[in-house]
Amino acid sequence: MMTGYQKNFRRKLVGFGVLLAFFIFAVLSFSVFKAVAQTHGEEGSPPLSQDASADSKASDPGVIKFAFLAASIAVGVGSLGAGVAVGYVGAAAMGAIGEKPELA
């Protein structure tokens, strides 16, 4: 027979395992996408002059992809944090209404 503490611990452990599996899947997906998306250059394109390469440093695709990656990670982590917070607040609200139905 499991106690309440053991059930709660097991539930948290399973939740942590699912979250860890999701992050591992995400990291592996980004690695695969990076490996697949690599190009070997355009064979027919002429090399850039010094002036053109100085202007294109601001729009270098190698830098821009990491900017988008950083933005997506920031939004994803923020969304996960907001979801966890809403979950805890919702659970507390349901507990309070369960104890005192006149609050609703």
C-alpha atoms as a PDB file:
ATOM      1  CA  MET A   1       0.000   0.000   0.000  1.00  0.00           C
ATOM      2  CA  MET A   2       1.422   3.376  -1.015  1.00  0.00           C
ATOM      3  CA  THR A   3       1.185   6.393   1.217  1.00  0.00           C
ATOM      4  CA  GLY A   4       0.137   9.809  -0.050  1.00  0.00           C
ATOM      5  CA  TYR A   5       3.750  10.962  -0.017  1.00  0.00           C
ATOM      6  CA  GLN A   6       4.853   8.012  -2.152  1.00  0.00           C
ATOM      7  CA  LYS A   7       2.047   8.587  -4.668  1.00  0.00           C
ATOM      8  CA  ASN A   8       2.902  12.278  -4.903  1.00  0.00           C
ATOM      9  CA  PHE A   9       6.603  11.479  -5.305  1.00  0.00           C
ATOM     10  CA  ARG A  10       5.877   8.913  -8.026  1.00  0.00           C
ATOM     11  CA  ARG A  11       3.636  11.387  -9.870  1.00  0.00           C
ATOM     12  CA  LYS A  12       6.331  14.069  -9.745  1.00  0.00           C
ATOM     13  CA  LEU A  13       8.956  11.568 -10.859  1.00  0.00           C
ATOM     14  CA  VAL A  14       6.874  10.527 -13.871  1.00  0.00           C
ATOM     15  CA  GLY A  15       6.223  14.181 -14.732  1.00  0.00           C
ATOM     16  CA  PHE A  16       9.929  14.949 -14.524  1.00  0.00           C
ATOM     17  CA  GLY A  17      10.689  11.959 -16.748  1.00  0.00           C
ATOM     18  CA  VAL A  18       8.211  13.137 -19.368  1.00  0.00           C
ATOM     19  CA  LEU A  19       9.662  16.654 -19.274  1.00  0.00           C
ATOM     20  CA  LEU A  20      13.205  15.310 -19.558  1.00  0.00           C
ATOM     21  CA  ALA A  21      12.211  13.112 -22.503  1.00  0.00           C
ATOM     22  CA  PHE A  22      10.644  16.135 -24.224  1.00  0.00           C
ATOM     23  CA  PHE A  23      13.815  18.207 -23.827  1.00  0.00           C
ATOM     24  CA  ILE A  24      16.006  15.364 -25.076  1.00  0.00           C
ATOM     25  CA  PHE A  25      13.710  14.971 -28.091  1.00  0.00           C
ATOM     26  CA  ALA A  26      13.876  18.730 -28.742  1.00  0.00           C
ATOM     27  CA  VAL A  27      17.688  18.793 -28.588  1.00  0.00           C
ATOM     28  CA  LEU A  28      17.974  15.802 -30.904  1.00  0.00           C
ATOM     29  CA  SER A  29      15.485  17.368 -33.312  1.00  0.00           C
ATOM     30  CA  PHE A  30      17.496  20.595 -33.469  1.00  0.00           C
ATOM     31  CA  SER A  31      20.664  18.580 -34.074  1.00  0.00           C
ATOM     32  CA  VAL A  32      19.059  16.663 -36.931  1.00  0.00           C
ATOM     33  CA  PHE A  33      17.585  19.823 -38.454  1.00  0.00           C
ATOM     34  CA  LYS A  34      20.969  21.512 -38.289  1.00  0.00           C
ATOM     35  CA  ALA A  35      22.682  18.564 -39.961  1.00  0.00           C
ATOM     36  CA  VAL A  36      20.059  18.303 -42.702  1.00  0.00           C
ATOM     37  CA  ALA A  37      19.869  22.039 -43.387  1.00  0.00           C
ATOM     38  CA  GLN A  38      23.587  22.521 -44.036  1.00  0.00           C
ATOM     39  CA  THR A  39      24.404  23.600 -47.554  1.00  0.00           C
ATOM     40  CA  HIS A  40      27.742  23.310 -49.290  1.00  0.00           C
ATOM     41  CA  GLY A  41      27.572  26.651 -51.045  1.00  0.00           C
ATOM     42  CA  GLU A  42      26.460  27.746 -54.441  1.00  0.00           C
ATOM     43  CA  GLU A  43      28.830  26.529 -57.130  1.00  0.00           C
ATOM     44  CA  GLY A  44      27.742  29.119 -59.675  1.00  0.00           C
ATOM     45  CA  SER A  45      27.816  32.165 -57.392  1.00  0.00           C
ATOM     46  CA  PRO A  46      30.778  34.530 -57.644  1.00  0.00           C
ATOM     47  CA  PRO A  47      32.691  35.478 -54.477  1.00  0.00           C
ATOM     48  CA  LEU A  48      31.662  38.697 -52.757  1.00  0.00           C
ATOM     49  CA  SER A  49      33.856  41.768 -52.823  1.00  0.00           C
ATOM     50  CA  GLN A  50      35.115  43.366 -49.600  1.00  0.00           C
ATOM     51  CA  ASP A  51      32.430  46.087 -49.652  1.00  0.00           C
ATOM     52  CA  ALA A  52      29.569  43.641 -50.152  1.00  0.00           C
ATOM     53  CA  SER A  53      30.823  41.309 -47.422  1.00  0.00           C
ATOM     54  CA  ALA A  54      31.064  44.183 -44.927  1.00  0.00           C
ATOM     55  CA  ASP A  55      27.440  45.135 -45.593  1.00  0.00           C
ATOM     56  CA  SER A  56      26.201  41.547 -45.364  1.00  0.00           C
ATOM     57  CA  LYS A  57      27.640  40.869 -41.885  1.00  0.00           C
ATOM     58  CA  ALA A  58      24.478  42.232 -40.311  1.00  0.00           C
ATOM     59  CA  SER A  59      22.354  39.748 -42.250  1.00  0.00           C
ATOM     60  CA  ASP A  60      24.592  36.690 -42.028  1.00  0.00           C
ATOM     61  CA  PRO A  61      22.327  33.602 -42.078  1.00  0.00           C
ATOM     62  CA  GLY A  62      24.557  31.837 -39.556  1.00  0.00           C
ATOM     63  CA  VAL A  63      23.924  34.602 -37.031  1.00  0.00           C
ATOM     64  CA  ILE A  64      20.246  35.021 -37.833  1.00  0.00           C
ATOM     65  CA  LYS A  65      19.452  31.325 -37.301  1.00  0.00           C
ATOM     66  CA  PHE A  66      20.876  31.504 -33.771  1.00  0.00           C
ATOM     67  CA  ALA A  67      18.877  34.669 -33.099  1.00  0.00           C
ATOM     68  CA  PHE A  68      15.684  32.868 -34.093  1.00  0.00           C
ATOM     69  CA  LEU A  69      16.722  29.817 -32.064  1.00  0.00           C
ATOM     70  CA  ALA A  70      17.335  31.978 -28.987  1.00  0.00           C
ATOM     71  CA  ALA A  71      13.989  33.719 -29.429  1.00  0.00           C
ATOM     72  CA  SER A  72      12.143  30.417 -29.777  1.00  0.00           C
ATOM     73  CA  ILE A  73      13.829  28.982 -26.680  1.00  0.00           C
ATOM     74  CA  ALA A  74      12.953  32.105 -24.690  1.00  0.00           C
ATOM     75  CA  VAL A  75       9.313  31.956 -25.772  1.00  0.00           C
ATOM     76  CA  GLY A  76       9.106  28.213 -25.126  1.00  0.00           C
ATOM     77  CA  VAL A  77      10.594  28.384 -21.636  1.00  0.00           C
ATOM     78  CA  GLY A  78       8.416  31.380 -20.784  1.00  0.00           C
ATOM     79  CA  SER A  79       5.318  29.536 -21.972  1.00  0.00           C
ATOM     80  CA  LEU A  80       6.219  26.460 -19.939  1.00  0.00           C
ATOM     81  CA  GLY A  81       6.749  28.623 -16.861  1.00  0.00           C
ATOM     82  CA  ALA A  82       3.414  30.338 -17.364  1.00  0.00           C
ATOM     83  CA  GLY A  83       1.692  26.973 -17.781  1.00  0.00           C
ATOM     84  CA  VAL A  84       3.188  25.650 -14.554  1.00  0.00           C
ATOM     85  CA  ALA A  85       2.161  28.803 -12.697  1.00  0.00           C
ATOM     86  CA  VAL A  86      -1.403  28.620 -14.006  1.00  0.00           C
ATOM     87  CA  GLY A  87      -1.542  24.957 -12.997  1.00  0.00           C
ATOM     88  CA  TYR A  88      -0.527  25.689  -9.409  1.00  0.00           C
ATOM     89  CA  VAL A  89      -2.862  28.668  -9.112  1.00  0.00           C
ATOM     90  CA  GLY A  90      -5.751  26.678 -10.594  1.00  0.00           C
ATOM     91  CA  ALA A  91      -5.153  23.793  -8.208  1.00  0.00           C
ATOM     92  CA  ALA A  92      -5.055  26.174  -5.241  1.00  0.00           C
ATOM     93  CA  ALA A  93      -8.258  27.868  -6.395  1.00  0.00           C
ATOM     94  CA  MET A  94     -10.054  24.544  -6.767  1.00  0.00           C
ATOM     95  CA  GLY A  95      -8.906  23.535  -3.288  1.00  0.00           C
ATOM     96  CA  ALA A  96     -10.128  26.802  -1.800  1.00  0.00           C
ATOM     97  CA  ILE A  97     -13.520  26.509  -3.506  1.00  0.00           C
ATOM     98  CA  GLY A  98     -13.779  22.885  -2.373  1.00  0.00           C
ATOM     99  CA  GLU A  99     -13.222  23.909   1.240  1.00  0.00           C
ATOM    100  CA  LYS A 100     -15.422  27.017   1.137  1.00  0.00           C
ATOM    101  CA  PRO A 101     -18.040  26.843  -1.639  1.00  0.00           C
ATOM    102  CA  GLU A 102     -19.401  30.261  -0.673  1.00  0.00           C
ATOM    103  CA  LEU A 103     -16.281  31.846  -2.208  1.00  0.00           C
ATOM    104  CA  ALA A 104     -17.448  30.956  -5.705  1.00  0.00           C
END
